[in-house]
Amino acid sequence: MAYRARVEITDDREFPAALAALTAIDFPWNYDENDEAASSGNIDYEPYEQFESAEDTRDWIRAWTGNQELDGAEFRVFGQDGTGGLAALWLVRPGPLEAQPVVFFGSEGAVGVVAPSLGEFLWLLAGGVGPQEAVEFGAESGVPHEGLRAVAEKHSGVAPRTPAEVLAAARAEFPGFAETVESWSR
């Protein structure tokens, strides 16, 4: 199923409080691949302090897909992993930015919807699963993080969810996202 933004896209680039709160968190990541601790309990996620500019988003989606006709207006990029993979809000439904699904575009081509909304994304992180881990390894890859749980409790606006629940809801609502992105590629 192909998705295109069915809502009027505005240039709303006001950073939601939930994303701003993530900038105060020290994300647990150990880059030493030989350390056993590096294989569990780590979130490879670097939050931005603001959304990428419209121009940078346009340039990124064109480079990622090879499609010079795309403008990236339906995305608000707000973070990355250590390899350069990007986390973004996908403006595909009516409502505020917080109501939009969170997607991940990996540096090596992995792509997927990781949460049905920003609030649920906070619960994914609280469960110790970042956007890259969600797409590449699934819900069992993380160890809960108390600091992120506090952010989720304060800013999510939704009842607590496990990473498995968040990912299942995202995949059920947007099962064809990877195929949609593939259809944009040239």
Protein backbone atom coordinates (compact mmCIF):
# COMPACT_ATOMS: atom_id res chain seq x y z
CA MET A 1 0.00 0.00 0.00
CA ALA A 2 1.47 3.36 -0.99
CA TYR A 3 1.22 6.25 1.46
CA ARG A 4 1.50 9.89 0.66
CA ALA A 5 0.79 12.70 3.02
CA ARG A 6 -2.98 13.12 2.84
CA VAL A 7 -2.96 16.20 4.99
CA GLU A 8 -1.97 19.74 4.29
CA ILE A 9 1.72 19.96 5.05
CA THR A 10 2.76 23.15 6.77
CA ASP A 11 6.26 24.30 7.59
CA ASP A 12 5.66 23.71 11.31
CA ARG A 13 9.17 23.30 12.69
CA GLU A 14 8.45 24.13 16.33
CA PHE A 15 10.27 21.46 18.31
CA PRO A 16 7.82 19.60 20.58
CA ALA A 17 8.57 19.64 24.32
CA ALA A 18 8.93 15.84 24.28
CA LEU A 19 11.82 16.03 21.81
CA ALA A 20 13.43 18.92 23.68
CA ALA A 21 13.32 16.83 26.87
CA LEU A 22 15.34 14.09 25.15
CA THR A 23 18.28 16.45 24.67
CA ALA A 24 18.89 16.39 28.43
CA ILE A 25 19.26 12.59 28.49
CA ASP A 26 22.65 10.90 28.37
CA PHE A 27 21.89 8.05 26.00
CA PRO A 28 23.62 4.85 27.06
CA TRP A 29 25.82 3.73 24.22
CA ASN A 30 29.13 1.93 24.31
CA TYR A 31 30.92 1.93 20.96
CA ASP A 32 33.43 -0.78 21.96
CA GLU A 33 32.24 -3.77 19.93
CA ASN A 34 34.48 -6.09 21.96
CA ASP A 35 32.73 -5.20 25.22
CA GLU A 36 29.86 -7.55 26.12
CA ALA A 37 27.98 -4.58 27.61
CA ALA A 38 27.93 -3.02 24.16
CA SER A 39 25.61 -5.73 22.90
CA SER A 40 22.75 -5.02 25.30
CA GLY A 41 21.26 -2.09 27.13
CA ASN A 42 22.45 0.48 24.65
CA ILE A 43 20.54 2.95 22.53
CA ASP A 44 22.38 4.28 19.50
CA TYR A 45 20.50 7.57 19.28
CA GLU A 46 21.67 11.18 19.23
CA PRO A 47 18.83 13.68 19.71
CA TYR A 48 18.89 16.97 17.84
CA GLU A 49 18.10 20.25 19.57
CA GLN A 50 15.84 21.31 16.69
CA PHE A 51 14.42 19.88 13.49
CA GLU A 52 16.67 19.79 10.45
CA SER A 53 15.94 22.67 8.11
CA ALA A 54 13.58 22.21 5.18
CA GLU A 55 16.54 22.53 2.81
CA ASP A 56 18.61 19.90 4.62
CA THR A 57 15.61 17.57 4.75
CA ARG A 58 15.01 18.02 1.02
CA ASP A 59 18.66 17.34 0.22
CA TRP A 60 18.69 14.26 2.47
CA ILE A 61 15.54 12.61 1.02
CA ARG A 62 16.77 13.27 -2.52
CA ALA A 63 20.16 11.73 -1.74
CA TRP A 64 18.61 8.78 0.14
CA THR A 65 16.17 7.93 -2.67
CA GLY A 66 17.98 9.29 -5.71
CA ASN A 67 14.70 11.06 -6.57
CA GLN A 68 15.24 14.74 -7.32
CA GLU A 69 11.49 15.38 -7.46
CA LEU A 70 10.98 14.87 -3.71
CA ASP A 71 10.96 17.85 -1.38
CA GLY A 72 10.85 16.04 1.99
CA ALA A 73 8.03 18.30 3.24
CA GLU A 74 6.32 15.34 4.92
CA PHE A 75 9.29 14.70 7.25
CA ARG A 76 10.69 16.44 10.31
CA VAL A 77 14.14 14.96 11.07
CA PHE A 78 14.91 15.12 14.80
CA GLY A 79 17.77 12.70 15.56
CA GLN A 80 20.31 10.24 14.25
CA ASP A 81 22.28 7.16 15.14
CA GLY A 82 26.06 6.87 15.16
CA THR A 83 26.18 5.75 11.52
CA GLY A 84 24.13 8.67 10.23
CA GLY A 85 20.75 6.94 10.10
CA LEU A 86 17.94 9.44 10.71
CA ALA A 87 14.83 9.48 12.90
CA ALA A 88 11.95 11.64 11.70
CA LEU A 89 8.31 12.43 12.19
CA TRP A 90 6.32 11.43 9.11
CA LEU A 91 3.47 13.91 8.56
CA VAL A 92 0.90 11.50 7.20
CA ARG A 93 -2.22 12.13 9.31
CA PRO A 94 -4.23 15.11 10.48
CA GLY A 95 -3.19 16.55 13.80
CA PRO A 96 -0.20 18.05 15.56
CA LEU A 97 3.38 16.92 15.18
CA GLU A 98 3.09 14.80 18.33
CA ALA A 99 0.38 12.69 16.64
CA GLN A 100 2.57 11.73 13.67
CA PRO A 101 4.38 8.38 13.34
CA VAL A 102 8.11 8.14 13.89
CA VAL A 103 10.18 6.59 11.10
CA PHE A 104 13.82 5.60 10.69
CA PHE A 105 16.01 5.72 7.60
CA GLY A 106 19.23 3.80 8.16
CA SER A 107 22.55 4.71 6.61
CA GLU A 108 22.71 1.30 4.94
CA GLY A 109 19.15 1.23 3.58
CA ALA A 110 17.13 -0.11 6.52
CA VAL A 111 13.82 1.72 6.82
CA GLY A 112 10.72 1.39 8.95
CA VAL A 113 8.04 2.93 11.10
CA VAL A 114 9.13 2.60 14.72
CA ALA A 115 6.20 4.20 16.58
CA PRO A 116 2.66 5.30 15.70
CA SER A 117 3.18 8.65 17.49
CA LEU A 118 5.79 10.69 19.27
CA GLY A 119 4.34 9.69 22.66
CA GLU A 120 4.70 6.02 21.83
CA PHE A 121 8.24 6.67 20.57
CA LEU A 122 9.07 7.91 24.06
CA TRP A 123 7.90 4.58 25.49
CA LEU A 124 10.01 2.73 22.91
CA LEU A 125 13.07 4.64 24.13
CA ALA A 126 12.09 4.12 27.78
CA GLY A 127 12.12 0.38 27.08
CA GLY A 128 15.71 0.71 25.91
CA VAL A 129 15.06 0.48 22.16
CA GLY A 130 16.14 3.24 19.79
CA PRO A 131 14.94 3.80 16.23
CA GLN A 132 17.83 1.94 14.59
CA GLU A 133 17.55 -0.98 17.01
CA ALA A 134 13.78 -1.16 16.43
CA VAL A 135 14.16 -1.48 12.66
CA GLU A 136 17.19 -3.74 12.61
CA PHE A 137 16.80 -5.89 15.75
CA GLY A 138 13.23 -5.56 17.04
CA ALA A 139 11.67 -4.98 20.43
CA GLU A 140 13.77 -7.38 22.48
CA SER A 141 17.01 -5.49 21.91
CA GLY A 142 16.79 -3.08 24.85
CA VAL A 143 17.09 -2.69 28.58
CA PRO A 144 14.68 -0.21 30.27
CA HIS A 145 16.09 3.22 31.05
CA GLU A 146 14.75 5.12 34.08
CA GLY A 147 15.64 8.61 32.80
CA LEU A 148 13.81 7.95 29.54
CA ARG A 149 10.88 6.47 31.46
CA ALA A 150 10.57 9.75 33.37
CA VAL A 151 10.49 11.67 30.08
CA ALA A 152 7.83 9.30 28.72
CA GLU A 153 5.71 9.62 31.86
CA LYS A 154 5.84 13.40 31.66
CA HIS A 155 5.57 14.00 27.90
CA SER A 156 4.01 11.00 26.14
CA GLY A 157 0.34 11.64 26.82
CA VAL A 158 -0.31 7.89 26.48
CA ALA A 159 -0.35 4.97 28.90
CA PRO A 160 2.90 3.04 29.31
CA ARG A 161 3.70 0.60 26.53
CA THR A 162 6.41 -1.96 26.01
CA PRO A 163 8.69 -1.74 22.97
CA ALA A 164 6.93 -4.82 21.57
CA GLU A 165 3.54 -3.10 21.84
CA VAL A 166 4.84 0.09 20.23
CA LEU A 167 6.45 -1.75 17.31
CA ALA A 168 3.42 -4.00 16.78
CA ALA A 169 1.10 -0.99 16.64
CA ALA A 170 3.41 0.86 14.24
CA ARG A 171 3.75 -2.11 11.90
CA ALA A 172 0.00 -2.81 11.99
CA GLU A 173 -0.92 0.77 11.12
CA PHE A 174 1.77 1.29 8.46
CA PRO A 175 2.62 -2.15 7.02
CA GLY A 176 3.73 -0.83 3.63
CA PHE A 177 6.07 1.99 4.64
CA ALA A 178 9.24 0.32 3.34
CA GLU A 179 7.54 -0.39 0.00
CA THR A 180 6.36 3.22 -0.18
CA VAL A 181 9.88 4.51 0.34
CA GLU A 182 11.16 2.03 -2.22
CA SER A 183 8.61 3.38 -4.72
CA TRP A 184 10.12 6.85 -4.30
CA SER A 185 13.61 5.58 -5.15
CA ARG A 186 15.11 6.06 -8.58
